[in-house]
Amino acid sequence: MASPTRQLRDRRDHWLPQGYLRGFIGPSSAARFKPLCCFYAHTQQWENASPKQIAYGEGFYDYADGTDYSTVTHPDSTFARLEREFPLRRDEMAANAFAGWQEHRDFLLEFMQMVRARSPLAMQQREAEARSLRGATVTGVNHDKRTITLDSLELRPLPEHTIRNFTISRMLQEVEAGASWMSEFNWCLRYTDAEGDSFCTTDQAIFVGGKIEAEQVTMDLLHDHDTLLFFPLCWRACLFGRARPFDKSYDRADARDIRTLRGKQKRGADRFVVSPVEF
């Protein structure tokens, strides 16, 4: 029988929750074994896939080898509530064509923050942050408990196991922080009933567009009045956010706008695009 720690490691960790991905299964393909249309950036080809087959990494959220899992917060406990509630709330909103989406606004932003924080891009950024840090090992604490002894006065890069655990811990802290900066923005929802003109999602899920070109998304960029954030909730609905208000907080999406957005997502995806139909 596997040890408790062993059961928590080397698993198929999805950075996009499977419950989220199921929202991009369209009516025409719901009965299929592989109901999603997945466009892979590296092959530039469409393939059919199931939610279980994509957006995961083996041991993607594992702490470093040798970590005592009884002393750390496991990602499952942080993700569970949001992953469990999202499909239920999405289906509730969909039953009324998403007209009551604002009742779920805070939860949706919290879920979006989780998806952002646990994404491959965010994990890479946290790891890079950890690699930029310098430190020393505490070898003793004096009796007055006010001073410590270090193994060296020369600060050096953190060891690999510390970098890994820092990356996981910071990711979980961001998820637990909730909607955070997203609450500062204005949000609207656009919906569609046409499967052929549906919203899609990508490996990163949250998409940022605007006039300013930047290698890294910063708060200054996000607060620019021409910057727009996109977060597809499912094939039928997408949240849009920006610093300035929208004329309408809820409306049917223009088919041409959906096609333009899908084209940008397809060109900008690092790994894949997920859609109910090929486009």
Foldseek 3Di string as FASTA:
>chain_A
DDDPLVVLAQAWAALQQLLQLVLQQDPVQVPPPQQKWKQWPVVRDTDGHHSSPDRTDGRLLPADPPDDVVVDDRVCVLCVVLSVCLNVVVVVCVVVLNPVVVVCVQSVLLSVQLSQLSAPVNLVVLLVVLQVDWDFDFPAADPVNPDTDTPDPDTDRDDPSVSRNSSSVVSSVRSVVGSPPVVQKAKAKAFDDDQVLWAKAASNQKDKDFDDDDPDDDPVNQQPQGIKIWHASHRTMIMIIGNDYDPHRYYYDDSVVSVVVVVVCSVPHPTIMIHSDDD
